[in-house]
Structure formats: C-alpha cells, structure tokens
Amino acid sequence: GINGAVAIGHQSLYSITSGAQNTSVGYKSLYANTSAYRNTALGYEAGSSTVTGALNTYIGNQAGRLHTGNNSTYIGDKSGENGTSGGENVALGQASLHHNQTGAKNVALGYQSMLGVSTNSHNYNTAVGYQSLFALTTGYENVVIGSSAGVAATTTYRSVIIGASAGD
C-alpha cells in the first residue's frame, strides 16, 4: 500500500494520496483519508470522514464515522459516530460520545455514556457507567461514575457525581 498503508474492504482507504502507516479494514473504512497518518479503522464505515486526522483508532460499525480530529479512540458500534473535529477523546461502548460534535478531551466508558444530543459539544468530562451523562449537551469538567449517573444532566459543569442513578 501507499507509505505502509493496509486496506481491506470495498473502498477502504479509497481517497488516499500521501497518508502513511494507516490500517483500514471494512467497507468504506477511512474512505476520505488523503494525507492522514497512523490511523487504525476496523468496521463498516469506521473513520470514513477522516481526511487529514492523525493517530486515531476506530473499532466498530460506524465508529468515528464523521470524525476529522486527532488523537481519539472510539470503540463500539456507533461510538463517536457524529463527532466531527473534536480531538483527544476516548469512548468505549455502543453509541458512547455519539453526538459530541466538536468537544474534546472527554472519556466515556459504557453503553451510551455521554450519548448527548445532536449538534452539541462538551469538553473535559469523564463518565464511567451505563448511560452515564447520557443527555449531556454543553457541560464541561465533570466526573461521573455509576450506572445512569447524571443521566438527565445537560449543562452540568465542574460536578462530581458518584453512584447508580445519582445526580438525576
């Protein structure tokens, strides 16, 4: 492949021109990548909008599908799917950080953790647990631990919420 790139799947790394050390497995994974480097995508349309973003990992059906930022890890079906330019995010779990459009430096661990609402962005949050910070829109600098902890919080900032269903 080009500059050590590996592509497996229909239109995987389809647009690559100069990107280096990319690994792409799955239908249209890293599809728009032209000059991005050291990205790993595994899954249907995983990281398909990454053009120049670097050092990202996308694992799962449509994981990081619209992502164009750098240094992010999205693991799980539709994890980080609608995020665009936000960077330094880590999401593990189905639909985790799903709608966080431009927010950065978030950690979401758990099924639908920080799912959010379309076109909203949040920064510097850590949420661990099933649907933790589920409805977050523009909140920032929160630490939330527990199943459904902070599930209804939307604009919460600088809060610590611990316990199952805490902070509702």
C-alpha atoms as a PDB file:
ATOM      1  CA  GLY A   1       0.000   0.000   0.000  1.00  0.00           C
ATOM      2  CA  ILE A   2       0.901   3.673  -0.103  1.00  0.00           C
ATOM      3  CA  ASN A   3       3.511   4.526   2.555  1.00  0.00           C
ATOM      4  CA  GLY A   4       2.896   1.342   4.517  1.00  0.00           C
ATOM      5  CA  ALA A   5      -0.897   1.530   4.371  1.00  0.00           C
ATOM      6  CA  VAL A   6      -3.037  -1.596   4.554  1.00  0.00           C
ATOM      7  CA  ALA A   7      -6.594  -1.556   3.163  1.00  0.00           C
ATOM      8  CA  ILE A   8      -9.020  -4.468   3.179  1.00  0.00           C
ATOM      9  CA  GLY A   9     -12.634  -3.969   2.094  1.00  0.00           C
ATOM     10  CA  HIS A  10     -14.586  -2.244  -0.665  1.00  0.00           C
ATOM     11  CA  GLN A  11     -13.450   1.427  -0.921  1.00  0.00           C
ATOM     12  CA  SER A  12     -11.337   1.131   2.213  1.00  0.00           C
ATOM     13  CA  LEU A  13      -8.712   3.962   2.122  1.00  0.00           C
ATOM     14  CA  TYR A  14     -10.323   4.912  -1.180  1.00  0.00           C
ATOM     15  CA  SER A  15      -9.041   8.512  -1.379  1.00  0.00           C
ATOM     16  CA  ILE A  16      -5.515   8.056  -0.024  1.00  0.00           C
ATOM     17  CA  THR A  17      -2.771  10.051  -1.766  1.00  0.00           C
ATOM     18  CA  SER A  18       0.043  10.510   0.733  1.00  0.00           C
ATOM     19  CA  GLY A  19      -1.152   9.294   4.138  1.00  0.00           C
ATOM     20  CA  ALA A  20       1.249   6.945   5.878  1.00  0.00           C
ATOM     21  CA  GLN A  21       1.003   3.945   8.172  1.00  0.00           C
ATOM     22  CA  ASN A  22      -2.790   3.621   8.074  1.00  0.00           C
ATOM     23  CA  THR A  23      -4.587   0.326   8.631  1.00  0.00           C
ATOM     24  CA  SER A  24      -8.144   0.101   7.371  1.00  0.00           C
ATOM     25  CA  VAL A  25     -10.401  -2.967   7.379  1.00  0.00           C
ATOM     26  CA  GLY A  26     -14.065  -2.779   6.388  1.00  0.00           C
ATOM     27  CA  TYR A  27     -16.423  -1.285   3.816  1.00  0.00           C
ATOM     28  CA  LYS A  28     -15.500   2.423   3.312  1.00  0.00           C
ATOM     29  CA  SER A  29     -13.323   2.483   6.428  1.00  0.00           C
ATOM     30  CA  LEU A  30     -11.039   5.562   6.299  1.00  0.00           C
ATOM     31  CA  TYR A  31     -12.732   6.298   2.955  1.00  0.00           C
ATOM     32  CA  ALA A  32     -11.897  10.047   2.747  1.00  0.00           C
ATOM     33  CA  ASN A  33      -8.346   9.726   4.105  1.00  0.00           C
ATOM     34  CA  THR A  34      -5.981  11.591   1.770  1.00  0.00           C
ATOM     35  CA  SER A  35      -2.981  12.536   3.896  1.00  0.00           C
ATOM     36  CA  ALA A  36      -3.896  11.348   7.389  1.00  0.00           C
ATOM     37  CA  TYR A  37      -1.345   9.178   9.106  1.00  0.00           C
ATOM     38  CA  ARG A  38      -1.136   6.382  11.685  1.00  0.00           C
ATOM     39  CA  ASN A  39      -4.896   5.745  11.907  1.00  0.00           C
ATOM     40  CA  THR A  40      -6.464   2.358  12.532  1.00  0.00           C
ATOM     41  CA  ALA A  41     -10.030   1.630  11.448  1.00  0.00           C
ATOM     42  CA  LEU A  42     -11.844  -1.679  11.742  1.00  0.00           C
ATOM     43  CA  GLY A  43     -15.521  -1.863  10.805  1.00  0.00           C
ATOM     44  CA  TYR A  44     -18.180  -0.737   8.350  1.00  0.00           C
ATOM     45  CA  GLU A  45     -17.558   2.993   7.603  1.00  0.00           C
ATOM     46  CA  ALA A  46     -15.240   3.297  10.612  1.00  0.00           C
ATOM     47  CA  GLY A  47     -13.478   6.673  10.423  1.00  0.00           C
ATOM     48  CA  SER A  48     -14.830   7.157   6.915  1.00  0.00           C
ATOM     49  CA  SER A  49     -14.684  11.000   7.029  1.00  0.00           C
ATOM     50  CA  THR A  50     -11.139  11.300   8.352  1.00  0.00           C
ATOM     51  CA  VAL A  51      -9.252  13.314   5.717  1.00  0.00           C
ATOM     52  CA  THR A  52      -6.127  14.563   7.480  1.00  0.00           C
ATOM     53  CA  GLY A  53      -6.683  13.481  11.100  1.00  0.00           C
ATOM     54  CA  ALA A  54      -3.868  11.549  12.723  1.00  0.00           C
ATOM     55  CA  LEU A  55      -3.304   8.973  15.433  1.00  0.00           C
ATOM     56  CA  ASN A  56      -6.924   7.819  15.716  1.00  0.00           C
ATOM     57  CA  THR A  57      -8.348   4.374  16.431  1.00  0.00           C
ATOM     58  CA  TYR A  58     -11.853   3.443  15.271  1.00  0.00           C
ATOM     59  CA  ILE A  59     -13.194  -0.031  16.019  1.00  0.00           C
ATOM     60  CA  GLY A  60     -16.831  -0.909  15.357  1.00  0.00           C
ATOM     61  CA  ASN A  61     -19.638  -0.329  12.904  1.00  0.00           C
ATOM     62  CA  GLN A  62     -19.532   3.417  12.016  1.00  0.00           C
ATOM     63  CA  ALA A  63     -17.200   4.185  14.931  1.00  0.00           C
ATOM     64  CA  GLY A  64     -15.922   7.746  14.432  1.00  0.00           C
ATOM     65  CA  ARG A  65     -17.741   7.887  11.097  1.00  0.00           C
ATOM     66  CA  LEU A  66     -17.758  11.721  10.806  1.00  0.00           C
ATOM     67  CA  HIS A  67     -14.626  12.352  12.885  1.00  0.00           C
ATOM     68  CA  THR A  68     -11.910  14.562  11.389  1.00  0.00           C
ATOM     69  CA  GLY A  69      -9.882  15.331  14.528  1.00  0.00           C
ATOM     70  CA  ASN A  70      -6.726  13.836  16.000  1.00  0.00           C
ATOM     71  CA  ASN A  71      -5.647  11.529  18.821  1.00  0.00           C
ATOM     72  CA  SER A  72      -9.042   9.940  19.525  1.00  0.00           C
ATOM     73  CA  THR A  73     -10.126   6.383  20.238  1.00  0.00           C
ATOM     74  CA  TYR A  74     -13.674   5.217  19.506  1.00  0.00           C
ATOM     75  CA  ILE A  75     -14.506   1.584  20.231  1.00  0.00           C
ATOM     76  CA  GLY A  76     -18.025   0.206  19.866  1.00  0.00           C
ATOM     77  CA  ASP A  77     -20.914   0.279  17.416  1.00  0.00           C
ATOM     78  CA  LYS A  78     -21.545   3.960  16.501  1.00  0.00           C
ATOM     79  CA  SER A  79     -19.136   5.141  19.189  1.00  0.00           C
ATOM     80  CA  GLY A  80     -18.264   8.770  18.387  1.00  0.00           C
ATOM     81  CA  GLU A  81     -20.188   8.446  15.118  1.00  0.00           C
ATOM     82  CA  ASN A  82     -21.368  12.071  14.815  1.00  0.00           C
ATOM     83  CA  GLY A  83     -18.325  13.741  16.334  1.00  0.00           C
ATOM     84  CA  THR A  84     -16.500  15.941  13.848  1.00  0.00           C
ATOM     85  CA  SER A  85     -13.395  17.934  14.742  1.00  0.00           C
ATOM     86  CA  GLY A  86     -13.090  17.149  18.445  1.00  0.00           C
ATOM     87  CA  GLY A  87      -9.811  15.556  19.475  1.00  0.00           C
ATOM     88  CA  GLU A  88      -8.232  13.665  22.342  1.00  0.00           C
ATOM     89  CA  ASN A  89     -11.498  11.811  23.069  1.00  0.00           C
ATOM     90  CA  VAL A  90     -11.767   8.244  24.312  1.00  0.00           C
ATOM     91  CA  ALA A  91     -15.074   6.393  24.011  1.00  0.00           C
ATOM     92  CA  LEU A  92     -15.683   2.730  24.749  1.00  0.00           C
ATOM     93  CA  GLY A  93     -19.188   1.312  24.438  1.00  0.00           C
ATOM     94  CA  GLN A  94     -22.059   1.219  21.968  1.00  0.00           C
ATOM     95  CA  ALA A  95     -23.025   4.809  20.986  1.00  0.00           C
ATOM     96  CA  SER A  96     -20.705   6.337  23.587  1.00  0.00           C
ATOM     97  CA  LEU A  97     -19.909  10.012  22.765  1.00  0.00           C
ATOM     98  CA  HIS A  98     -22.286   9.536  19.834  1.00  0.00           C
ATOM     99  CA  HIS A  99     -23.415  13.172  19.314  1.00  0.00           C
ATOM    100  CA  ASN A 100     -20.437  15.104  20.734  1.00  0.00           C
ATOM    101  CA  GLN A 101     -19.771  17.184  17.639  1.00  0.00           C
ATOM    102  CA  THR A 102     -16.659  19.288  18.348  1.00  0.00           C
ATOM    103  CA  GLY A 103     -15.961  18.604  22.022  1.00  0.00           C
ATOM    104  CA  ALA A 104     -12.521  17.476  23.103  1.00  0.00           C
ATOM    105  CA  LYS A 105     -10.708  15.683  25.895  1.00  0.00           C
ATOM    106  CA  ASN A 106     -13.620  13.511  27.043  1.00  0.00           C
ATOM    107  CA  VAL A 107     -13.573   9.957  28.375  1.00  0.00           C
ATOM    108  CA  ALA A 108     -16.823   7.977  28.051  1.00  0.00           C
ATOM    109  CA  LEU A 109     -16.881   4.354  29.169  1.00  0.00           C
ATOM    110  CA  GLY A 110     -20.103   2.359  28.977  1.00  0.00           C
ATOM    111  CA  TYR A 111     -23.153   1.755  26.807  1.00  0.00           C
ATOM    112  CA  GLN A 112     -24.436   5.176  25.610  1.00  0.00           C
ATOM    113  CA  SER A 113     -22.151   7.010  28.020  1.00  0.00           C
ATOM    114  CA  MET A 114     -22.272  10.732  27.068  1.00  0.00           C
ATOM    115  CA  LEU A 115     -24.622   9.923  24.176  1.00  0.00           C
ATOM    116  CA  GLY A 116     -25.622  13.606  24.009  1.00  0.00           C
ATOM    117  CA  VAL A 117     -27.949  15.469  21.679  1.00  0.00           C
ATOM    118  CA  SER A 118     -27.309  16.190  18.007  1.00  0.00           C
ATOM    119  CA  THR A 119     -25.025  19.175  17.222  1.00  0.00           C
ATOM    120  CA  ASN A 120     -23.929  19.741  20.822  1.00  0.00           C
ATOM    121  CA  SER A 121     -20.382  19.654  22.182  1.00  0.00           C
ATOM    122  CA  HIS A 122     -18.873  19.120  25.606  1.00  0.00           C
ATOM    123  CA  ASN A 123     -15.296  19.131  26.875  1.00  0.00           C
ATOM    124  CA  TYR A 124     -13.093  17.728  29.663  1.00  0.00           C
ATOM    125  CA  ASN A 125     -15.643  15.228  31.012  1.00  0.00           C
ATOM    126  CA  THR A 126     -15.140  11.746  32.397  1.00  0.00           C
ATOM    127  CA  ALA A 127     -18.148   9.422  32.581  1.00  0.00           C
ATOM    128  CA  VAL A 128     -17.997   5.755  33.556  1.00  0.00           C
ATOM    129  CA  GLY A 129     -21.089   3.550  33.557  1.00  0.00           C
ATOM    130  CA  TYR A 130     -24.167   2.568  31.584  1.00  0.00           C
ATOM    131  CA  GLN A 131     -25.767   5.781  30.199  1.00  0.00           C
ATOM    132  CA  SER A 132     -23.629   7.976  32.457  1.00  0.00           C
ATOM    133  CA  LEU A 133     -24.068  11.650  31.450  1.00  0.00           C
ATOM    134  CA  PHE A 134     -26.494  10.326  28.833  1.00  0.00           C
ATOM    135  CA  ALA A 135     -28.171  13.685  27.969  1.00  0.00           C
ATOM    136  CA  LEU A 136     -25.120  15.951  28.271  1.00  0.00           C
ATOM    137  CA  THR A 137     -25.216  18.836  25.786  1.00  0.00           C
ATOM    138  CA  THR A 138     -22.695  21.540  26.683  1.00  0.00           C
ATOM    139  CA  GLY A 139     -21.462  20.542  30.133  1.00  0.00           C
ATOM    140  CA  TYR A 140     -17.772  20.550  30.953  1.00  0.00           C
ATOM    141  CA  GLU A 141     -15.219  19.384  33.524  1.00  0.00           C
ATOM    142  CA  ASN A 142     -17.448  16.717  35.121  1.00  0.00           C
ATOM    143  CA  VAL A 143     -16.536  13.416  36.708  1.00  0.00           C
ATOM    144  CA  VAL A 144     -19.397  10.919  36.812  1.00  0.00           C
ATOM    145  CA  ILE A 145     -19.212   7.291  37.929  1.00  0.00           C
ATOM    146  CA  GLY A 146     -22.118   4.849  38.106  1.00  0.00           C
ATOM    147  CA  SER A 147     -24.847   3.251  36.065  1.00  0.00           C
ATOM    148  CA  SER A 148     -27.190   6.041  34.854  1.00  0.00           C
ATOM    149  CA  ALA A 149     -25.296   8.561  36.983  1.00  0.00           C
ATOM    150  CA  GLY A 150     -26.071  12.091  35.784  1.00  0.00           C
ATOM    151  CA  VAL A 151     -28.382  10.591  33.162  1.00  0.00           C
ATOM    152  CA  ALA A 152     -30.546  13.754  32.926  1.00  0.00           C
ATOM    153  CA  ALA A 153     -27.738  16.323  33.296  1.00  0.00           C
ATOM    154  CA  THR A 154     -27.494  18.570  30.234  1.00  0.00           C
ATOM    155  CA  THR A 155     -25.386  21.647  31.007  1.00  0.00           C
ATOM    156  CA  THR A 156     -23.749  20.485  34.231  1.00  0.00           C
ATOM    157  CA  TYR A 157     -20.239  21.763  34.808  1.00  0.00           C
ATOM    158  CA  ARG A 158     -17.470  21.092  37.338  1.00  0.00           C
ATOM    159  CA  SER A 159     -19.507  18.430  39.146  1.00  0.00           C
ATOM    160  CA  VAL A 160     -18.617  15.115  40.735  1.00  0.00           C
ATOM    161  CA  ILE A 161     -21.461  12.594  40.691  1.00  0.00           C
ATOM    162  CA  ILE A 162     -20.927   9.080  42.065  1.00  0.00           C
ATOM    163  CA  GLY A 163     -23.413   6.233  42.439  1.00  0.00           C
ATOM    164  CA  ALA A 164     -26.046   4.391  40.451  1.00  0.00           C
ATOM    165  CA  SER A 165     -28.708   6.877  39.234  1.00  0.00           C
ATOM    166  CA  ALA A 166     -27.042   9.644  41.270  1.00  0.00           C
ATOM    167  CA  GLY A 167     -27.492  13.232  40.139  1.00  0.00           C
ATOM    168  CA  ASP A 168     -30.858  12.796  38.419  1.00  0.00           C
END
